[in-house]
């Protein structure tokens, strides 16, 4: 069985869980998520798989 996870949905899932557990982290989680997605886009990691 082959399991391929994309980094975007995985990060979204982790961010969503953290926001549910600690709502005060929302601003930081969104900022970090956007920075990471931007860096992945800039450096051509669009096809990055885990």
PDB file of N, CA and C in Angstrom:
ATOM      1  N   UNK A   1       0.839  -1.185   0.000  1.00  0.00           N
ATOM      2  CA  UNK A   1       0.000   0.000   0.000  1.00  0.00           C
ATOM      3  C   UNK A   1       0.880   1.243   0.000  1.00  0.00           C
ATOM      4  N   UNK A   2       0.654   2.124  -0.948  1.00  0.00           N
ATOM      5  CA  UNK A   2       1.396   3.376  -1.047  1.00  0.00           C
ATOM      6  C   UNK A   2       0.553   4.517  -0.522  1.00  0.00           C
ATOM      7  N   UNK A   3       1.119   5.319   0.373  1.00  0.00           N
ATOM      8  CA  UNK A   3       0.403   6.462   0.933  1.00  0.00           C
ATOM      9  C   UNK A   3       1.212   7.713   0.646  1.00  0.00           C
ATOM     10  N   UNK A   4       0.643   8.632  -0.139  1.00  0.00           N
ATOM     11  CA  UNK A   4       1.303   9.894  -0.463  1.00  0.00           C
ATOM     12  C   UNK A   4       0.523  11.029   0.168  1.00  0.00           C
ATOM     13  N   UNK A   5       1.197  11.813   0.997  1.00  0.00           N
ATOM     14  CA  UNK A   5       0.563  12.961   1.642  1.00  0.00           C
ATOM     15  C   UNK A   5       1.181  14.238   1.092  1.00  0.00           C
ATOM     16  N   UNK A   6       0.350  15.153   0.663  1.00  0.00           N
ATOM     17  CA  UNK A   6       0.843  16.459   0.244  1.00  0.00           C
ATOM     18  C   UNK A   6       1.077  17.301   1.486  1.00  0.00           C
ATOM     19  N   UNK A   7       2.049  18.178   1.402  1.00  0.00           N
ATOM     20  CA  UNK A   7       2.403  18.966   2.582  1.00  0.00           C
ATOM     21  C   UNK A   7       1.347  20.023   2.906  1.00  0.00           C
ATOM     22  N   UNK A   8       0.673  20.570   1.908  1.00  0.00           N
ATOM     23  CA  UNK A   8      -0.333  21.606   2.155  1.00  0.00           C
ATOM     24  C   UNK A   8      -1.493  21.134   3.017  1.00  0.00           C
ATOM     25  N   UNK A   9      -2.178  20.064   2.599  1.00  0.00           N
ATOM     26  CA  UNK A   9      -3.286  19.567   3.418  1.00  0.00           C
ATOM     27  C   UNK A   9      -2.844  19.077   4.799  1.00  0.00           C
ATOM     28  N   UNK A  10      -1.660  18.498   4.880  1.00  0.00           N
ATOM     29  CA  UNK A  10      -1.154  18.034   6.170  1.00  0.00           C
ATOM     30  C   UNK A  10      -0.928  19.210   7.111  1.00  0.00           C
ATOM     31  N   UNK A  11      -0.334  20.287   6.598  1.00  0.00           N
ATOM     32  CA  UNK A  11      -0.117  21.479   7.421  1.00  0.00           C
ATOM     33  C   UNK A  11      -1.442  22.107   7.811  1.00  0.00           C
ATOM     34  N   UNK A  12      -2.414  22.104   6.920  1.00  0.00           N
ATOM     35  CA  UNK A  12      -3.734  22.652   7.237  1.00  0.00           C
ATOM     36  C   UNK A  12      -4.390  21.869   8.362  1.00  0.00           C
ATOM     37  N   UNK A  13      -4.268  20.562   8.319  1.00  0.00           N
ATOM     38  CA  UNK A  13      -4.845  19.716   9.359  1.00  0.00           C
ATOM     39  C   UNK A  13      -4.208  20.006  10.712  1.00  0.00           C
ATOM     40  N   UNK A  14      -2.889  20.084  10.747  1.00  0.00           N
ATOM     41  CA  UNK A  14      -2.184  20.370  11.996  1.00  0.00           C
ATOM     42  C   UNK A  14      -2.559  21.752  12.516  1.00  0.00           C
ATOM     43  N   UNK A  15      -2.608  22.749  11.622  1.00  0.00           N
ATOM     44  CA  UNK A  15      -2.973  24.104  12.029  1.00  0.00           C
ATOM     45  C   UNK A  15      -4.395  24.139  12.577  1.00  0.00           C
ATOM     46  N   UNK A  16      -5.312  23.449  11.934  1.00  0.00           N
ATOM     47  CA  UNK A  16      -6.694  23.419  12.391  1.00  0.00           C
ATOM     48  C   UNK A  16      -6.825  22.817  13.780  1.00  0.00           C
ATOM     49  N   UNK A  17      -6.105  21.733  14.029  1.00  0.00           N
ATOM     50  CA  UNK A  17      -6.145  21.100  15.347  1.00  0.00           C
ATOM     51  C   UNK A  17      -5.573  22.029  16.408  1.00  0.00           C
ATOM     52  N   UNK A  18      -4.453  22.685  16.084  1.00  0.00           N
ATOM     53  CA  UNK A  18      -3.854  23.611  17.051  1.00  0.00           C
ATOM     54  C   UNK A  18      -4.777  24.785  17.363  1.00  0.00           C
ATOM     55  N   UNK A  19      -5.472  25.287  16.343  1.00  0.00           N
ATOM     56  CA  UNK A  19      -6.397  26.399  16.556  1.00  0.00           C
ATOM     57  C   UNK A  19      -7.554  25.959  17.446  1.00  0.00           C
ATOM     58  N   UNK A  20      -8.046  24.739  17.264  1.00  0.00           N
ATOM     59  CA  UNK A  20      -9.120  24.238  18.116  1.00  0.00           C
ATOM     60  C   UNK A  20      -8.662  24.096  19.564  1.00  0.00           C
ATOM     61  N   UNK A  21      -7.439  23.638  19.749  1.00  0.00           N
ATOM     62  CA  UNK A  21      -6.925  23.422  21.103  1.00  0.00           C
ATOM     63  C   UNK A  21      -6.581  24.744  21.777  1.00  0.00           C
ATOM     64  N   UNK A  22      -5.935  25.646  21.037  1.00  0.00           N
ATOM     65  CA  UNK A  22      -5.494  26.930  21.594  1.00  0.00           C
ATOM     66  C   UNK A  22      -5.878  28.063  20.645  1.00  0.00           C
ATOM     67  N   UNK A  23      -7.090  28.589  20.752  1.00  0.00           N
ATOM     68  CA  UNK A  23      -7.556  29.610  19.810  1.00  0.00           C
ATOM     69  C   UNK A  23      -6.703  30.880  19.780  1.00  0.00           C
ATOM     70  N   UNK A  24      -5.984  31.159  20.856  1.00  0.00           N
ATOM     71  CA  UNK A  24      -5.159  32.370  20.880  1.00  0.00           C
ATOM     72  C   UNK A  24      -3.975  32.279  19.923  1.00  0.00           C
ATOM     73  N   UNK A  25      -3.657  31.079  19.446  1.00  0.00           N
ATOM     74  CA  UNK A  25      -2.540  30.900  18.516  1.00  0.00           C
ATOM     75  C   UNK A  25      -2.913  31.172  17.069  1.00  0.00           C
ATOM     76  N   UNK A  26      -4.165  31.531  16.817  1.00  0.00           N
ATOM     77  CA  UNK A  26      -4.651  31.674  15.447  1.00  0.00           C
ATOM     78  C   UNK A  26      -3.767  32.579  14.601  1.00  0.00           C
ATOM     79  N   UNK A  27      -3.436  33.765  15.094  1.00  0.00           N
ATOM     80  CA  UNK A  27      -2.625  34.708  14.307  1.00  0.00           C
ATOM     81  C   UNK A  27      -1.258  34.116  13.951  1.00  0.00           C
ATOM     82  N   UNK A  28      -0.615  33.480  14.919  1.00  0.00           N
ATOM     83  CA  UNK A  28       0.706  32.921  14.670  1.00  0.00           C
ATOM     84  C   UNK A  28       0.647  31.745  13.702  1.00  0.00           C
ATOM     85  N   UNK A  29      -0.342  30.891  13.876  1.00  0.00           N
ATOM     86  CA  UNK A  29      -0.462  29.723  13.008  1.00  0.00           C
ATOM     87  C   UNK A  29      -0.719  30.148  11.564  1.00  0.00           C
ATOM     88  N   UNK A  30      -1.604  31.112  11.379  1.00  0.00           N
ATOM     89  CA  UNK A  30      -1.899  31.589  10.022  1.00  0.00           C
ATOM     90  C   UNK A  30      -0.664  32.237   9.413  1.00  0.00           C
ATOM     91  N   UNK A  31       0.048  33.039  10.182  1.00  0.00           N
ATOM     92  CA  UNK A  31       1.248  33.702   9.665  1.00  0.00           C
ATOM     93  C   UNK A  31       2.312  32.687   9.275  1.00  0.00           C
ATOM     94  N   UNK A  32       2.575  31.717  10.128  1.00  0.00           N
ATOM     95  CA  UNK A  32       3.592  30.704   9.836  1.00  0.00           C
ATOM     96  C   UNK A  32       3.178  29.871   8.629  1.00  0.00           C
ATOM     97  N   UNK A  33       1.901  29.502   8.572  1.00  0.00           N
ATOM     98  CA  UNK A  33       1.398  28.715   7.442  1.00  0.00           C
ATOM     99  C   UNK A  33       1.594  29.467   6.125  1.00  0.00           C
ATOM    100  N   UNK A  34       1.230  30.734   6.097  1.00  0.00           N
ATOM    101  CA  UNK A  34       1.373  31.514   4.870  1.00  0.00           C
ATOM    102  C   UNK A  34       2.828  31.677   4.471  1.00  0.00           C
ATOM    103  N   UNK A  35       3.712  31.873   5.438  1.00  0.00           N
ATOM    104  CA  UNK A  35       5.139  31.997   5.139  1.00  0.00           C
ATOM    105  C   UNK A  35       5.674  30.698   4.543  1.00  0.00           C
ATOM    106  N   UNK A  36       5.314  29.576   5.139  1.00  0.00           N
ATOM    107  CA  UNK A  36       5.813  28.282   4.647  1.00  0.00           C
ATOM    108  C   UNK A  36       5.282  27.985   3.256  1.00  0.00           C
ATOM    109  N   UNK A  37       3.985  28.217   3.034  1.00  0.00           N
ATOM    110  CA  UNK A  37       3.412  27.981   1.706  1.00  0.00           C
ATOM    111  C   UNK A  37       4.062  28.904   0.670  1.00  0.00           C
ATOM    112  N   UNK A  38       4.319  30.143   1.046  1.00  0.00           N
ATOM    113  CA  UNK A  38       4.993  31.080   0.139  1.00  0.00           C
ATOM    114  C   UNK A  38       6.397  30.617  -0.209  1.00  0.00           C
ATOM    115  N   UNK A  39       7.146  30.139   0.787  1.00  0.00           N
ATOM    116  CA  UNK A  39       8.503  29.654   0.526  1.00  0.00           C
ATOM    117  C   UNK A  39       8.493  28.413  -0.350  1.00  0.00           C
ATOM    118  N   UNK A  40       7.555  27.520  -0.096  1.00  0.00           N
ATOM    119  CA  UNK A  40       7.446  26.325  -0.939  1.00  0.00           C
ATOM    120  C   UNK A  40       7.136  26.723  -2.378  1.00  0.00           C
ATOM    121  N   UNK A  41       6.251  27.692  -2.565  1.00  0.00           N
ATOM    122  CA  UNK A  41       5.913  28.157  -3.907  1.00  0.00           C
ATOM    123  C   UNK A  41       7.087  28.821  -4.601  1.00  0.00           C
ATOM    124  N   UNK A  42       7.845  29.631  -3.857  1.00  0.00           N
ATOM    125  CA  UNK A  42       8.983  30.338  -4.447  1.00  0.00           C
ATOM    126  C   UNK A  42      10.103  29.397  -4.865  1.00  0.00           C
ATOM    127  N   UNK A  43      10.353  28.390  -4.070  1.00  0.00           N
ATOM    128  CA  UNK A  43      11.472  27.506  -4.353  1.00  0.00           C
ATOM    129  C   UNK A  43      11.080  26.272  -5.153  1.00  0.00           C
ATOM    130  N   UNK A  44       9.884  26.293  -5.738  1.00  0.00           N
ATOM    131  CA  UNK A  44       9.491  25.245  -6.656  1.00  0.00           C
ATOM    132  C   UNK A  44       9.163  23.916  -6.005  1.00  0.00           C
ATOM    133  N   UNK A  45       8.743  23.951  -4.758  1.00  0.00           N
ATOM    134  CA  UNK A  45       8.398  22.706  -4.085  1.00  0.00           C
ATOM    135  C   UNK A  45       6.951  22.354  -4.225  1.00  0.00           C
ATOM    136  N   UNK A  46       6.318  22.776  -5.312  1.00  0.00           N
ATOM    137  CA  UNK A  46       4.905  22.516  -5.508  1.00  0.00           C
ATOM    138  C   UNK A  46       4.569  21.038  -5.558  1.00  0.00           C
ATOM    139  N   UNK A  47       5.520  20.214  -5.969  1.00  0.00           N
ATOM    140  CA  UNK A  47       5.289  18.775  -6.052  1.00  0.00           C
ATOM    141  C   UNK A  47       5.919  18.030  -4.881  1.00  0.00           C
ATOM    142  N   UNK A  48       6.210  18.741  -3.799  1.00  0.00           N
ATOM    143  CA  UNK A  48       6.836  18.143  -2.627  1.00  0.00           C
ATOM    144  C   UNK A  48       5.877  17.161  -1.969  1.00  0.00           C
ATOM    145  N   UNK A  49       6.330  15.946  -1.783  1.00  0.00           N
ATOM    146  CA  UNK A  49       5.515  14.903  -1.161  1.00  0.00           C
ATOM    147  C   UNK A  49       6.249  14.360   0.052  1.00  0.00           C
ATOM    148  N   UNK A  50       5.485  13.964   1.054  1.00  0.00           N
ATOM    149  CA  UNK A  50       6.086  13.311   2.235  1.00  0.00           C
ATOM    150  C   UNK A  50       5.968  11.812   2.098  1.00  0.00           C
TER     151      UNK A  50
END
